[in-house]
């Protein structure tokens, strides 16, 4: 379902109380950086002041961060001709630099550490390090590309940061949250008007369907 502030009230209350896990805190803070109504809703929480766009300060990155990020992106673009690799890497870096804080810093650090991983044609994801507590991934979905059909072991919240996607029950644009429970199965499809970047967080992982599901069960075990 498309996000309704009332449906997510427990999440915002837990954020204000300081009881959310790091991955869910990252999602709330990123949504607040995109949407003024969410900023207003959680502004009484002391931590929220650090993510207001008008209060942003430059982030100090590790030495050679720019070069290391470019290299991590280039390494994943094997399909590109050599003459196009530098341009493509620059475009990918620009996408990360355009992300709102605090997601931008996390994404750059994650790209330097491990880089984007290909899921299927037109879909990649970046594992976002958030210390302990939950799973967090940034998805990059090309126009018209489909994330493999899956469900979740626990509730999952997916925040659209750029572009948009649609699934079996709705369409989601920048600042919207798609809420899925373990009983839901969906196949998000990127909108045709541009690349979709979406931050997905959950306490459990994804359970793929079809052939991917069979392979997943062969090589992994369901969390206890």
N, C-alpha and C. Protein backbone atom coordinates (compact mmCIF):
# COMPACT_ATOMS: atom_id res chain seq x y z
N UNK A 1 0.84 -1.20 0.00
CA UNK A 1 0.00 0.00 0.00
C UNK A 1 0.87 1.25 0.00
N UNK A 2 0.37 2.31 -0.60
CA UNK A 2 1.10 3.57 -0.57
C UNK A 2 1.08 4.13 0.83
N UNK A 3 2.20 4.82 1.17
CA UNK A 3 2.31 5.20 2.57
C UNK A 3 1.26 6.19 2.99
N UNK A 4 0.77 5.99 4.19
CA UNK A 4 -0.16 6.88 4.86
C UNK A 4 0.50 7.20 6.20
N UNK A 5 0.64 8.49 6.49
CA UNK A 5 1.35 8.87 7.71
C UNK A 5 0.77 8.18 8.94
N UNK A 6 -0.56 8.01 8.97
CA UNK A 6 -1.19 7.37 10.12
C UNK A 6 -0.78 5.91 10.24
N UNK A 7 -0.56 5.24 9.09
CA UNK A 7 -0.15 3.85 9.11
C UNK A 7 1.27 3.68 9.63
N UNK A 8 2.06 4.73 9.50
CA UNK A 8 3.46 4.67 9.91
C UNK A 8 3.71 5.41 11.22
N UNK A 9 2.64 5.75 11.92
CA UNK A 9 2.78 6.56 13.13
C UNK A 9 3.66 5.89 14.18
N UNK A 10 3.59 4.56 14.28
CA UNK A 10 4.41 3.86 15.26
C UNK A 10 5.90 4.00 14.94
N UNK A 11 6.22 4.00 13.64
CA UNK A 11 7.60 4.17 13.22
C UNK A 11 8.13 5.55 13.62
N UNK A 12 7.32 6.59 13.35
CA UNK A 12 7.75 7.94 13.69
C UNK A 12 7.83 8.13 15.21
N UNK A 13 6.90 7.52 15.94
CA UNK A 13 6.94 7.62 17.40
C UNK A 13 8.19 6.93 17.95
N UNK A 14 8.53 5.78 17.40
CA UNK A 14 9.72 5.06 17.85
C UNK A 14 10.98 5.85 17.50
N UNK A 15 10.96 6.53 16.36
CA UNK A 15 12.10 7.37 16.01
C UNK A 15 12.28 8.48 17.03
N UNK A 16 11.17 9.16 17.34
CA UNK A 16 11.24 10.26 18.31
C UNK A 16 11.71 9.78 19.67
N UNK A 17 11.37 8.52 20.02
CA UNK A 17 11.76 7.97 21.32
C UNK A 17 13.17 7.41 21.30
N UNK A 18 13.78 7.35 20.12
CA UNK A 18 15.14 6.84 20.02
C UNK A 18 15.24 5.33 20.10
N UNK A 19 14.16 4.62 19.76
CA UNK A 19 14.16 3.15 19.90
C UNK A 19 14.22 2.41 18.57
N UNK A 20 14.30 3.13 17.45
CA UNK A 20 14.39 2.47 16.15
C UNK A 20 15.79 1.91 15.92
N UNK A 21 15.86 0.81 15.16
CA UNK A 21 17.16 0.27 14.77
C UNK A 21 17.81 1.22 13.77
N UNK A 22 19.15 1.14 13.60
CA UNK A 22 19.84 2.07 12.71
C UNK A 22 19.30 2.11 11.29
N UNK A 23 18.93 0.95 10.73
CA UNK A 23 18.45 0.95 9.34
C UNK A 23 17.13 1.70 9.21
N UNK A 24 16.22 1.53 10.18
CA UNK A 24 14.94 2.23 10.12
C UNK A 24 15.11 3.72 10.44
N UNK A 25 16.04 4.06 11.30
CA UNK A 25 16.35 5.47 11.55
C UNK A 25 16.82 6.13 10.26
N UNK A 26 17.67 5.44 9.51
CA UNK A 26 18.17 5.98 8.26
C UNK A 26 17.03 6.26 7.30
N UNK A 27 16.07 5.37 7.23
CA UNK A 27 14.93 5.57 6.33
C UNK A 27 14.11 6.78 6.75
N UNK A 28 13.80 6.91 8.04
CA UNK A 28 13.00 8.05 8.52
C UNK A 28 13.74 9.36 8.27
N UNK A 29 15.03 9.40 8.54
CA UNK A 29 15.80 10.62 8.36
C UNK A 29 15.91 11.00 6.88
N UNK A 30 16.03 9.99 6.01
CA UNK A 30 16.08 10.28 4.58
C UNK A 30 14.73 10.77 4.08
N UNK A 31 13.65 10.16 4.53
CA UNK A 31 12.32 10.64 4.14
C UNK A 31 12.09 12.06 4.63
N UNK A 32 12.54 12.35 5.82
CA UNK A 32 12.37 13.69 6.37
C UNK A 32 13.16 14.73 5.57
N UNK A 33 14.29 14.30 5.00
CA UNK A 33 15.08 15.21 4.16
C UNK A 33 14.38 15.52 2.85
N UNK A 34 13.47 14.62 2.42
CA UNK A 34 12.76 14.79 1.15
C UNK A 34 11.43 15.50 1.35
N UNK A 35 10.72 15.19 2.46
CA UNK A 35 9.35 15.67 2.66
C UNK A 35 9.24 16.57 3.88
N UNK A 36 8.74 17.78 3.66
CA UNK A 36 8.61 18.74 4.76
C UNK A 36 7.58 18.29 5.78
N UNK A 37 6.53 17.56 5.36
CA UNK A 37 5.51 17.15 6.32
C UNK A 37 6.07 16.13 7.31
N UNK A 38 7.00 15.29 6.84
CA UNK A 38 7.63 14.32 7.75
C UNK A 38 8.62 15.04 8.66
N UNK A 39 9.33 16.03 8.12
CA UNK A 39 10.22 16.82 8.98
C UNK A 39 9.43 17.47 10.11
N UNK A 40 8.27 18.02 9.77
CA UNK A 40 7.44 18.67 10.78
C UNK A 40 6.97 17.66 11.83
N UNK A 41 6.65 16.45 11.36
CA UNK A 41 6.11 15.44 12.26
C UNK A 41 7.13 14.99 13.29
N UNK A 42 8.37 14.89 12.89
CA UNK A 42 9.38 14.35 13.81
C UNK A 42 10.38 15.41 14.29
N UNK A 43 10.09 16.68 14.02
CA UNK A 43 11.05 17.74 14.35
C UNK A 43 11.33 17.86 15.84
N UNK A 44 10.42 17.36 16.68
CA UNK A 44 10.63 17.46 18.12
C UNK A 44 11.71 16.49 18.60
N UNK A 45 12.07 15.51 17.75
CA UNK A 45 13.15 14.59 18.13
C UNK A 45 14.49 15.29 17.93
N UNK A 46 15.35 15.21 18.90
CA UNK A 46 16.62 15.93 18.87
C UNK A 46 17.48 15.54 17.66
N UNK A 47 17.47 14.27 17.30
CA UNK A 47 18.33 13.81 16.21
C UNK A 47 17.93 14.35 14.87
N UNK A 48 16.66 14.74 14.70
CA UNK A 48 16.20 15.16 13.38
C UNK A 48 16.87 16.45 12.93
N UNK A 49 17.34 17.28 13.85
CA UNK A 49 17.92 18.56 13.47
C UNK A 49 19.14 18.38 12.58
N UNK A 50 19.82 17.24 12.71
CA UNK A 50 21.02 17.02 11.92
C UNK A 50 20.77 16.71 10.47
N UNK A 51 19.51 16.41 10.09
CA UNK A 51 19.27 16.03 8.70
C UNK A 51 18.52 17.08 7.90
N UNK A 52 18.14 18.21 8.50
CA UNK A 52 17.47 19.25 7.73
C UNK A 52 18.37 19.71 6.60
N UNK A 53 17.81 19.78 5.42
CA UNK A 53 18.63 20.15 4.27
C UNK A 53 19.28 21.53 4.45
N UNK A 54 18.53 22.46 5.05
CA UNK A 54 19.08 23.80 5.19
C UNK A 54 20.19 23.87 6.22
N UNK A 55 20.37 22.80 6.99
CA UNK A 55 21.40 22.78 8.02
C UNK A 55 22.53 21.84 7.66
N UNK A 56 22.55 21.34 6.41
CA UNK A 56 23.59 20.39 6.03
C UNK A 56 24.96 21.04 6.07
N UNK A 57 25.95 20.25 6.40
CA UNK A 57 27.33 20.67 6.36
C UNK A 57 28.10 19.66 5.53
N UNK A 58 29.15 20.08 4.86
CA UNK A 58 29.93 19.13 4.06
C UNK A 58 30.40 17.97 4.92
N UNK A 59 30.37 16.78 4.34
CA UNK A 59 30.80 15.58 5.04
C UNK A 59 32.24 15.26 4.66
N UNK A 60 33.07 15.03 5.65
CA UNK A 60 34.45 14.65 5.40
C UNK A 60 34.52 13.16 5.12
N UNK A 61 34.98 12.82 3.92
CA UNK A 61 35.09 11.43 3.54
C UNK A 61 36.52 10.95 3.70
N UNK A 62 36.70 9.66 3.57
CA UNK A 62 38.01 9.07 3.71
C UNK A 62 38.93 9.54 2.61
N UNK A 63 40.28 9.48 2.81
CA UNK A 63 41.23 9.86 1.76
C UNK A 63 40.97 9.06 0.49
N UNK A 64 41.10 9.72 -0.67
CA UNK A 64 40.90 9.08 -1.96
C UNK A 64 39.48 8.54 -2.15
N UNK A 65 38.53 9.10 -1.43
CA UNK A 65 37.15 8.60 -1.52
C UNK A 65 36.61 8.71 -2.93
N UNK A 66 36.86 9.83 -3.59
CA UNK A 66 36.35 10.04 -4.94
C UNK A 66 36.89 8.98 -5.89
N UNK A 67 38.21 8.76 -5.85
CA UNK A 67 38.83 7.80 -6.74
C UNK A 67 38.36 6.38 -6.45
N UNK A 68 38.23 6.04 -5.17
CA UNK A 68 37.81 4.69 -4.79
C UNK A 68 36.36 4.43 -5.20
N UNK A 69 35.52 5.47 -5.09
CA UNK A 69 34.13 5.32 -5.49
C UNK A 69 34.02 5.11 -6.99
N UNK A 70 34.74 5.92 -7.76
CA UNK A 70 34.74 5.75 -9.21
C UNK A 70 35.19 4.34 -9.60
N UNK A 71 36.23 3.84 -8.94
CA UNK A 71 36.74 2.52 -9.27
C UNK A 71 35.71 1.44 -8.96
N UNK A 72 35.03 1.57 -7.83
CA UNK A 72 34.02 0.58 -7.45
C UNK A 72 32.89 0.55 -8.47
N UNK A 73 32.51 1.72 -8.97
CA UNK A 73 31.44 1.78 -9.96
C UNK A 73 31.92 1.21 -11.29
N UNK A 74 33.12 1.59 -11.70
CA UNK A 74 33.65 1.12 -12.98
C UNK A 74 33.76 -0.40 -13.00
N UNK A 75 34.14 -0.99 -11.88
CA UNK A 75 34.33 -2.44 -11.83
C UNK A 75 33.05 -3.20 -12.10
N UNK A 76 31.90 -2.55 -11.86
CA UNK A 76 30.62 -3.22 -12.06
C UNK A 76 30.02 -2.98 -13.43
N UNK A 77 30.64 -2.13 -14.23
CA UNK A 77 30.08 -1.78 -15.53
C UNK A 77 30.82 -2.51 -16.65
N UNK A 78 30.90 -3.83 -16.55
CA UNK A 78 31.63 -4.62 -17.53
C UNK A 78 31.00 -4.53 -18.93
N UNK A 79 29.70 -4.23 -18.97
CA UNK A 79 29.03 -4.21 -20.26
C UNK A 79 29.35 -2.95 -21.05
N UNK A 80 29.95 -1.96 -20.44
CA UNK A 80 30.23 -0.70 -21.12
C UNK A 80 31.52 -0.80 -21.92
N UNK A 81 31.54 -0.14 -23.08
CA UNK A 81 32.77 -0.04 -23.85
C UNK A 81 33.75 0.80 -23.08
N UNK A 82 35.04 0.59 -23.33
CA UNK A 82 36.08 1.30 -22.58
C UNK A 82 35.93 2.81 -22.72
N UNK A 83 35.55 3.28 -23.91
CA UNK A 83 35.45 4.73 -24.12
C UNK A 83 34.29 5.35 -23.36
N UNK A 84 33.31 4.52 -22.99
CA UNK A 84 32.14 5.03 -22.28
C UNK A 84 32.23 4.82 -20.77
N UNK A 85 33.23 4.05 -20.32
CA UNK A 85 33.29 3.68 -18.90
C UNK A 85 33.42 4.89 -17.99
N UNK A 86 34.30 5.83 -18.36
CA UNK A 86 34.52 6.99 -17.50
C UNK A 86 33.25 7.84 -17.40
N UNK A 87 32.57 8.03 -18.54
CA UNK A 87 31.34 8.81 -18.52
C UNK A 87 30.28 8.13 -17.68
N UNK A 88 30.16 6.80 -17.85
CA UNK A 88 29.16 6.07 -17.09
C UNK A 88 29.46 6.10 -15.60
N UNK A 89 30.73 5.94 -15.24
CA UNK A 89 31.11 5.99 -13.83
C UNK A 89 30.80 7.36 -13.24
N UNK A 90 31.04 8.41 -14.03
CA UNK A 90 30.75 9.76 -13.54
C UNK A 90 29.26 9.95 -13.30
N UNK A 91 28.42 9.39 -14.21
CA UNK A 91 26.98 9.49 -14.03
C UNK A 91 26.52 8.77 -12.78
N UNK A 92 27.10 7.58 -12.53
CA UNK A 92 26.74 6.80 -11.34
C UNK A 92 27.14 7.54 -10.07
N UNK A 93 28.31 8.17 -10.11
CA UNK A 93 28.76 8.93 -8.96
C UNK A 93 27.85 10.12 -8.72
N UNK A 94 27.44 10.79 -9.79
CA UNK A 94 26.54 11.94 -9.66
C UNK A 94 25.23 11.53 -9.00
N UNK A 95 24.73 10.33 -9.33
CA UNK A 95 23.50 9.85 -8.71
C UNK A 95 23.67 9.74 -7.19
N UNK A 96 24.82 9.23 -6.76
CA UNK A 96 25.05 9.09 -5.32
C UNK A 96 25.22 10.45 -4.66
N UNK A 97 25.92 11.37 -5.33
CA UNK A 97 26.14 12.69 -4.75
C UNK A 97 24.85 13.49 -4.65
N UNK A 98 23.86 13.15 -5.48
CA UNK A 98 22.57 13.86 -5.43
C UNK A 98 21.64 13.32 -4.35
N UNK A 99 22.02 12.23 -3.70
CA UNK A 99 21.17 11.68 -2.64
C UNK A 99 21.14 12.64 -1.44
N UNK A 100 20.03 12.67 -0.72
CA UNK A 100 19.97 13.50 0.49
C UNK A 100 20.78 12.87 1.62
N UNK A 101 21.32 13.70 2.47
CA UNK A 101 21.95 13.19 3.68
C UNK A 101 20.86 12.75 4.65
N UNK A 102 21.09 11.72 5.46
CA UNK A 102 22.36 11.02 5.67
C UNK A 102 22.60 9.86 4.73
N UNK A 103 21.69 9.60 3.78
CA UNK A 103 21.85 8.47 2.88
C UNK A 103 23.06 8.63 1.98
N UNK A 104 23.37 9.87 1.55
CA UNK A 104 24.50 10.09 0.65
C UNK A 104 25.79 9.53 1.23
N UNK A 105 26.08 9.88 2.47
CA UNK A 105 27.33 9.43 3.08
C UNK A 105 27.38 7.90 3.19
N UNK A 106 26.25 7.32 3.61
CA UNK A 106 26.20 5.86 3.75
C UNK A 106 26.40 5.18 2.40
N UNK A 107 25.77 5.72 1.35
CA UNK A 107 25.87 5.12 0.02
C UNK A 107 27.29 5.21 -0.53
N UNK A 108 27.94 6.36 -0.35
CA UNK A 108 29.32 6.50 -0.83
C UNK A 108 30.25 5.55 -0.10
N UNK A 109 30.09 5.45 1.21
CA UNK A 109 30.92 4.53 1.99
C UNK A 109 30.70 3.09 1.52
N UNK A 110 29.43 2.72 1.28
CA UNK A 110 29.11 1.36 0.87
C UNK A 110 29.63 1.06 -0.52
N UNK A 111 29.59 2.06 -1.39
CA UNK A 111 30.10 1.87 -2.75
C UNK A 111 31.60 1.64 -2.73
N UNK A 112 32.30 2.36 -1.88
CA UNK A 112 33.75 2.16 -1.75
C UNK A 112 34.07 0.80 -1.17
N UNK A 113 33.22 0.34 -0.29
CA UNK A 113 33.48 -0.91 0.42
C UNK A 113 33.15 -2.14 -0.42
N UNK A 114 32.02 -2.13 -1.11
CA UNK A 114 31.63 -3.34 -1.83
C UNK A 114 31.07 -3.10 -3.21
N UNK A 115 30.46 -1.94 -3.43
CA UNK A 115 29.93 -1.62 -4.75
C UNK A 115 28.56 -2.21 -5.02
N UNK A 116 28.00 -1.81 -6.15
CA UNK A 116 26.69 -2.28 -6.58
C UNK A 116 26.76 -3.75 -6.97
N UNK A 117 25.71 -4.50 -6.66
CA UNK A 117 25.61 -5.90 -7.03
C UNK A 117 24.41 -6.07 -7.98
N UNK A 118 24.63 -6.75 -9.09
CA UNK A 118 23.57 -6.96 -10.06
C UNK A 118 22.61 -8.04 -9.57
N UNK A 119 21.30 -7.71 -9.57
CA UNK A 119 20.28 -8.69 -9.22
C UNK A 119 19.73 -9.36 -10.45
N UNK A 120 19.35 -8.54 -11.44
CA UNK A 120 18.82 -9.02 -12.70
C UNK A 120 18.98 -7.89 -13.69
N UNK A 121 18.57 -8.11 -14.94
CA UNK A 121 18.75 -7.09 -15.96
C UNK A 121 18.09 -5.78 -15.54
N UNK A 122 18.89 -4.73 -15.45
CA UNK A 122 18.36 -3.41 -15.12
C UNK A 122 18.16 -3.13 -13.65
N UNK A 123 18.52 -4.09 -12.78
CA UNK A 123 18.32 -3.91 -11.34
C UNK A 123 19.61 -4.23 -10.59
N UNK A 124 20.07 -3.26 -9.81
CA UNK A 124 21.24 -3.46 -8.95
C UNK A 124 20.89 -3.00 -7.54
N UNK A 125 21.65 -3.48 -6.58
CA UNK A 125 21.43 -3.00 -5.22
C UNK A 125 22.75 -2.84 -4.49
N UNK A 126 22.75 -1.92 -3.58
CA UNK A 126 23.92 -1.56 -2.80
C UNK A 126 23.60 -1.81 -1.33
N UNK A 127 24.36 -2.68 -0.71
CA UNK A 127 24.14 -2.95 0.71
C UNK A 127 24.64 -1.77 1.53
N UNK A 128 23.74 -1.18 2.30
CA UNK A 128 24.08 0.00 3.08
C UNK A 128 24.46 -0.42 4.50
N UNK A 129 25.65 -0.06 4.90
CA UNK A 129 26.10 -0.38 6.26
C UNK A 129 25.44 0.53 7.28
N UNK A 130 24.73 -0.06 8.23
CA UNK A 130 24.08 0.73 9.28
C UNK A 130 24.40 0.17 10.66
N UNK A 131 25.59 -0.37 10.81
CA UNK A 131 25.98 -1.04 12.05
C UNK A 131 25.04 -2.23 12.27
N UNK A 132 24.67 -2.51 13.48
CA UNK A 132 23.79 -3.64 13.73
C UNK A 132 22.34 -3.19 13.66
N UNK A 133 21.44 -4.15 13.42
CA UNK A 133 20.02 -3.83 13.46
C UNK A 133 19.38 -3.69 12.11
N UNK A 134 18.93 -4.81 11.52
CA UNK A 134 18.15 -4.76 10.31
C UNK A 134 18.97 -4.78 9.03
N UNK A 135 18.25 -4.86 7.93
CA UNK A 135 18.84 -4.86 6.60
C UNK A 135 18.51 -3.54 5.92
N UNK A 136 19.44 -3.00 5.16
CA UNK A 136 19.21 -1.78 4.40
C UNK A 136 19.91 -1.89 3.05
N UNK A 137 19.16 -1.69 1.97
CA UNK A 137 19.72 -1.74 0.63
C UNK A 137 19.20 -0.57 -0.19
N UNK A 138 20.09 0.00 -1.01
CA UNK A 138 19.69 1.00 -1.98
C UNK A 138 19.55 0.30 -3.32
N UNK A 139 18.36 0.39 -3.92
CA UNK A 139 18.09 -0.25 -5.20
C UNK A 139 18.19 0.78 -6.32
N UNK A 140 18.77 0.33 -7.43
CA UNK A 140 18.83 1.14 -8.66
C UNK A 140 18.08 0.37 -9.74
N UNK A 141 16.92 0.91 -10.15
CA UNK A 141 16.04 0.22 -11.07
C UNK A 141 15.94 1.03 -12.36
N UNK A 142 16.39 0.44 -13.46
CA UNK A 142 16.30 1.11 -14.76
C UNK A 142 14.83 1.21 -15.18
N UNK A 143 14.49 2.19 -16.03
CA UNK A 143 13.12 2.31 -16.52
C UNK A 143 12.61 1.00 -17.12
N UNK A 144 11.47 0.53 -16.65
CA UNK A 144 10.88 -0.69 -17.16
C UNK A 144 11.45 -1.98 -16.60
N UNK A 145 12.52 -1.91 -15.83
CA UNK A 145 13.12 -3.11 -15.25
C UNK A 145 12.30 -3.59 -14.06
N UNK A 146 12.36 -4.89 -13.80
CA UNK A 146 11.55 -5.49 -12.74
C UNK A 146 12.41 -6.16 -11.68
N UNK A 147 12.14 -5.84 -10.43
CA UNK A 147 12.77 -6.55 -9.32
C UNK A 147 12.13 -7.93 -9.24
N UNK A 148 12.92 -9.00 -9.13
CA UNK A 148 12.34 -10.35 -9.10
C UNK A 148 11.24 -10.49 -8.04
N UNK A 149 10.21 -11.24 -8.37
CA UNK A 149 9.08 -11.46 -7.45
C UNK A 149 9.59 -12.01 -6.12
N UNK A 150 9.13 -11.40 -5.04
CA UNK A 150 9.62 -11.80 -3.72
C UNK A 150 8.63 -11.43 -2.63
N UNK A 151 8.81 -12.03 -1.47
CA UNK A 151 8.12 -11.63 -0.24
C UNK A 151 9.20 -11.34 0.79
N UNK A 152 8.81 -11.16 2.05
CA UNK A 152 9.76 -10.78 3.09
C UNK A 152 9.50 -11.58 4.36
N UNK A 153 10.58 -11.87 5.08
CA UNK A 153 10.45 -12.61 6.33
C UNK A 153 9.88 -11.74 7.45
N UNK A 154 10.09 -10.41 7.33
CA UNK A 154 9.54 -9.44 8.28
C UNK A 154 8.99 -8.27 7.48
N UNK A 155 8.37 -7.31 8.16
CA UNK A 155 7.89 -6.11 7.46
C UNK A 155 9.05 -5.42 6.75
N UNK A 156 8.75 -4.88 5.57
CA UNK A 156 9.75 -4.10 4.83
C UNK A 156 9.16 -2.75 4.48
N UNK A 157 9.96 -1.70 4.63
CA UNK A 157 9.60 -0.36 4.20
C UNK A 157 10.55 0.04 3.08
N UNK A 158 9.98 0.49 1.96
CA UNK A 158 10.80 0.93 0.83
C UNK A 158 10.48 2.39 0.54
N UNK A 159 11.49 3.24 0.66
CA UNK A 159 11.35 4.67 0.43
C UNK A 159 11.89 5.02 -0.95
N UNK A 160 11.07 5.65 -1.77
CA UNK A 160 11.53 6.12 -3.07
C UNK A 160 12.30 7.42 -2.87
N UNK A 161 13.55 7.43 -3.31
CA UNK A 161 14.40 8.61 -3.16
C UNK A 161 14.44 9.41 -4.45
N UNK A 162 14.42 8.71 -5.57
CA UNK A 162 14.45 9.35 -6.89
C UNK A 162 13.63 8.50 -7.85
N UNK A 163 12.96 9.17 -8.81
CA UNK A 163 12.17 8.43 -9.79
C UNK A 163 10.94 7.81 -9.17
N UNK A 164 10.60 6.60 -9.59
CA UNK A 164 9.44 5.94 -9.03
C UNK A 164 9.33 4.51 -9.52
N UNK A 165 8.44 3.75 -8.88
CA UNK A 165 8.15 2.39 -9.31
C UNK A 165 6.70 2.06 -9.01
N UNK A 166 6.24 1.00 -9.62
CA UNK A 166 4.88 0.51 -9.38
C UNK A 166 4.95 -0.98 -9.08
N UNK A 167 3.99 -1.44 -8.28
CA UNK A 167 3.86 -2.88 -8.07
C UNK A 167 2.40 -3.27 -8.24
N UNK A 168 2.02 -4.42 -7.75
CA UNK A 168 0.68 -4.93 -7.98
C UNK A 168 -0.43 -4.09 -7.35
N UNK A 169 -0.08 -3.25 -6.38
CA UNK A 169 -1.13 -2.51 -5.67
C UNK A 169 -1.04 -1.00 -5.76
N UNK A 170 0.04 -0.46 -6.31
CA UNK A 170 0.14 0.99 -6.34
C UNK A 170 1.38 1.51 -7.02
N UNK A 171 1.46 2.85 -7.10
CA UNK A 171 2.62 3.54 -7.67
C UNK A 171 3.22 4.44 -6.60
N UNK A 172 4.54 4.60 -6.64
CA UNK A 172 5.25 5.31 -5.59
C UNK A 172 6.26 6.26 -6.21
N UNK A 173 6.27 7.50 -5.70
CA UNK A 173 7.19 8.51 -6.18
C UNK A 173 8.09 9.00 -5.06
N UNK A 174 8.93 10.00 -5.33
CA UNK A 174 9.88 10.50 -4.35
C UNK A 174 9.22 10.86 -3.02
N UNK A 175 9.74 10.30 -1.94
CA UNK A 175 9.22 10.57 -0.60
C UNK A 175 8.15 9.59 -0.15
N UNK A 176 7.62 8.77 -1.07
CA UNK A 176 6.61 7.77 -0.71
C UNK A 176 7.27 6.54 -0.10
N UNK A 177 6.54 5.88 0.79
CA UNK A 177 7.00 4.62 1.38
C UNK A 177 6.04 3.51 1.01
N UNK A 178 6.60 2.43 0.51
CA UNK A 178 5.84 1.21 0.22
C UNK A 178 6.01 0.26 1.39
N UNK A 179 4.91 -0.08 2.05
CA UNK A 179 4.94 -0.96 3.22
C UNK A 179 4.47 -2.35 2.84
N UNK A 180 5.30 -3.35 3.10
CA UNK A 180 4.95 -4.74 2.82
C UNK A 180 5.14 -5.58 4.08
N UNK A 181 4.21 -6.51 4.30
CA UNK A 181 4.28 -7.44 5.42
C UNK A 181 4.70 -8.81 4.89
N UNK A 182 4.99 -9.77 5.77
CA UNK A 182 5.39 -11.11 5.31
C UNK A 182 4.33 -11.82 4.47
N UNK A 183 3.09 -11.36 4.51
CA UNK A 183 2.04 -11.99 3.71
C UNK A 183 1.96 -11.44 2.29
N UNK A 184 2.71 -10.37 2.01
CA UNK A 184 2.67 -9.73 0.70
C UNK A 184 3.75 -10.28 -0.23
N UNK A 185 3.41 -10.39 -1.50
CA UNK A 185 4.37 -10.74 -2.55
C UNK A 185 4.24 -9.69 -3.64
N UNK A 186 5.38 -9.18 -4.13
CA UNK A 186 5.28 -8.16 -5.18
C UNK A 186 6.49 -8.20 -6.11
N UNK A 187 6.34 -7.48 -7.24
CA UNK A 187 7.38 -7.39 -8.27
C UNK A 187 7.48 -5.93 -8.71
N UNK A 188 8.23 -5.09 -8.00
CA UNK A 188 8.33 -3.68 -8.37
C UNK A 188 8.90 -3.49 -9.78
N UNK A 189 8.32 -2.54 -10.52
CA UNK A 189 8.76 -2.22 -11.87
C UNK A 189 9.11 -0.74 -11.92
N UNK A 190 10.30 -0.41 -12.43
CA UNK A 190 10.72 0.98 -12.51
C UNK A 190 9.87 1.78 -13.49
N UNK A 191 9.53 3.01 -13.12
CA UNK A 191 8.77 3.88 -14.01
C UNK A 191 9.56 4.17 -15.28
N UNK A 192 8.84 4.52 -16.35
CA UNK A 192 9.46 4.71 -17.65
C UNK A 192 10.20 6.04 -17.80
N UNK A 193 9.99 6.97 -16.87
CA UNK A 193 10.52 8.32 -17.07
C UNK A 193 11.89 8.56 -16.44
N UNK A 194 12.56 7.52 -15.97
CA UNK A 194 13.89 7.72 -15.41
C UNK A 194 14.27 6.64 -14.43
N UNK A 195 15.55 6.64 -14.03
CA UNK A 195 16.05 5.66 -13.08
C UNK A 195 15.38 5.86 -11.72
N UNK A 196 15.03 4.76 -11.07
CA UNK A 196 14.47 4.80 -9.72
C UNK A 196 15.54 4.39 -8.72
N UNK A 197 15.72 5.20 -7.70
CA UNK A 197 16.57 4.85 -6.56
C UNK A 197 15.67 4.73 -5.35
N UNK A 198 15.74 3.60 -4.66
CA UNK A 198 14.85 3.35 -3.54
C UNK A 198 15.61 2.68 -2.40
N UNK A 199 15.36 3.15 -1.19
CA UNK A 199 15.98 2.60 0.01
C UNK A 199 15.00 1.64 0.68
N UNK A 200 15.39 0.37 0.79
CA UNK A 200 14.54 -0.65 1.40
C UNK A 200 15.17 -1.12 2.70
N UNK A 201 14.36 -1.15 3.78
CA UNK A 201 14.87 -1.60 5.08
C UNK A 201 13.90 -2.63 5.66
N UNK A 202 14.44 -3.58 6.39
CA UNK A 202 13.63 -4.61 7.03
C UNK A 202 14.44 -5.26 8.13
N UNK A 203 13.76 -5.96 9.02
CA UNK A 203 14.44 -6.72 10.07
C UNK A 203 14.83 -8.10 9.55
N UNK A 204 14.12 -8.59 8.53
CA UNK A 204 14.44 -9.87 7.92
C UNK A 204 14.96 -9.66 6.52
N UNK A 205 15.01 -10.73 5.73
CA UNK A 205 15.50 -10.61 4.37
C UNK A 205 14.40 -10.86 3.36
N UNK A 206 14.80 -10.97 2.09
CA UNK A 206 13.87 -11.23 0.99
C UNK A 206 13.76 -12.73 0.74
N UNK A 207 12.58 -13.17 0.36
CA UNK A 207 12.36 -14.56 -0.03
C UNK A 207 11.88 -14.55 -1.48
N UNK A 208 12.76 -14.94 -2.40
CA UNK A 208 12.43 -14.91 -3.81
C UNK A 208 11.49 -16.05 -4.17
N UNK A 209 10.77 -15.85 -5.28
CA UNK A 209 9.86 -16.86 -5.78
C UNK A 209 10.42 -17.43 -7.08
N UNK A 210 9.83 -18.53 -7.55
CA UNK A 210 10.25 -19.11 -8.81
C UNK A 210 11.65 -19.70 -8.74
N UNK A 211 12.37 -19.65 -9.87
CA UNK A 211 13.70 -20.24 -9.95
C UNK A 211 14.68 -19.59 -8.98
N UNK A 212 14.58 -18.25 -8.84
CA UNK A 212 15.47 -17.58 -7.88
C UNK A 212 15.21 -18.09 -6.46
N UNK A 213 13.95 -18.36 -6.16
CA UNK A 213 13.61 -18.89 -4.84
C UNK A 213 14.22 -20.25 -4.60
N UNK A 214 14.22 -21.08 -5.63
CA UNK A 214 14.82 -22.41 -5.51
C UNK A 214 16.32 -22.30 -5.26
N UNK A 215 16.97 -21.43 -6.03
CA UNK A 215 18.41 -21.23 -5.84
C UNK A 215 18.71 -20.65 -4.46
N UNK A 216 17.87 -19.72 -4.01
CA UNK A 216 18.07 -19.12 -2.70
C UNK A 216 18.01 -20.18 -1.60
N UNK A 217 17.06 -21.07 -1.69
CA UNK A 217 16.92 -22.12 -0.68
C UNK A 217 18.09 -23.10 -0.71
N UNK A 218 18.69 -23.27 -1.89
CA UNK A 218 19.82 -24.19 -2.00
C UNK A 218 21.06 -23.65 -1.30
N UNK A 219 21.22 -22.32 -1.34
CA UNK A 219 22.47 -21.74 -0.85
C UNK A 219 22.34 -20.97 0.47
N UNK A 220 21.11 -20.77 0.93
CA UNK A 220 20.92 -20.05 2.18
C UNK A 220 19.91 -20.77 3.03
N UNK A 221 19.89 -20.40 4.28
CA UNK A 221 18.90 -20.91 5.21
C UNK A 221 18.07 -19.77 5.75
N UNK A 222 16.78 -20.01 5.95
CA UNK A 222 15.89 -19.00 6.50
C UNK A 222 16.33 -18.64 7.91
N UNK A 223 16.37 -17.29 8.21
CA UNK A 223 16.75 -16.86 9.56
C UNK A 223 15.83 -17.44 10.61
N UNK A 224 16.39 -17.78 11.79
CA UNK A 224 15.56 -18.29 12.88
C UNK A 224 14.83 -17.13 13.55
